[in-house]
């Protein structure tokens, strides 16, 4: 069996469409016909080389998607052929098979445990989660990374309580998901911070109570004003900038405020904070996929969407064919509002 895939052949180079031969499935592996794949800035950093040297070139790419199982390897019990699934980089239960090698006319092509910029992808049992037939595959693709990371931060990592205040720096896919999570948790004040009025307008539609354009006002001062000088209970940094990480930490309240960093900086970049903030009781933490557990949280988010409390559809900004993936990355880098999806049907 053969398939088409977008391949990273060199750092800083456009992805190339290659025809691949799919290998026989190993024990614990799953073959998925991909329907949709999400794009995020992590892949931009990876493809540009900002995450450092890449010793696996050429290789497949993409870590968030949805599709239908069309084959399973020996020992797989979590899913069966015909099941609709979410694919995620976040490891769930089941077999862990770290890598796959496809064949191509240009030689072997490496692939990690999960890749989604392919029409058919070999992944493993631990990277797929079955979803209800009623959940559209378009919206389901957001449950592979954006939602479990963003909403997971406020629901799991920060354990946000009803009536709490939260500021979200960066209104991209992760940030918008954090806003949705804050709405679900019934936060009292939800402040979206970005430099794009278009992104801020979308954040307001998804439930933000305040919008701060950091290109024209001091974001920390605006947050302090909105919270009576106290600072927010939780700040989520999803912009991936040193300055916003530092600002997010300054924006949380003393004696228990938590700042969660979700954004990725290019390799070698650092941040600077005043340790007095830590001494005053502020907390600064990182996150691993919003501390989400796929087998627990993807069904939960699915039920929320089907019940009308999780507005996934509004997050989708545009859909691109696989052949348009470099255009999609360009639009993402230029500040596309909402999540970009690759649709294999286009």
Foldseek 3Di string as FASTA:
>chain_A
DKWWFFKQADAPDGTDIFIWDFDDDAAQKWKWQFFKFWDDCVVVCVRNQLQHDDPQPTAAAGFFTKGFTCDHHPPQDQDDGGFIKIFAPDFADTDQDFWDWIAGPVGIYIYGQDHRRMSMDMHGNRGIHGEDPPFDRVLLRLVRFLQLQQLLQCCPVLVPAAQFAEEEEDLESSSLNVLLSCVVRNHNAYEYEEQDPVQQVLSVVSPHPYYHRVVVDPVLVVLCVVVVNFAGQEYEYAPQDQVVQQSSLSRHGFARREYEYEHHHRPPDDHDYDCVSVVRHYYYYYDDSSPDHCNPVSHVVSVCVVVPSGPSVSQEQEEAESVCVSVVVVCVVVPGRGIYMYGPVD
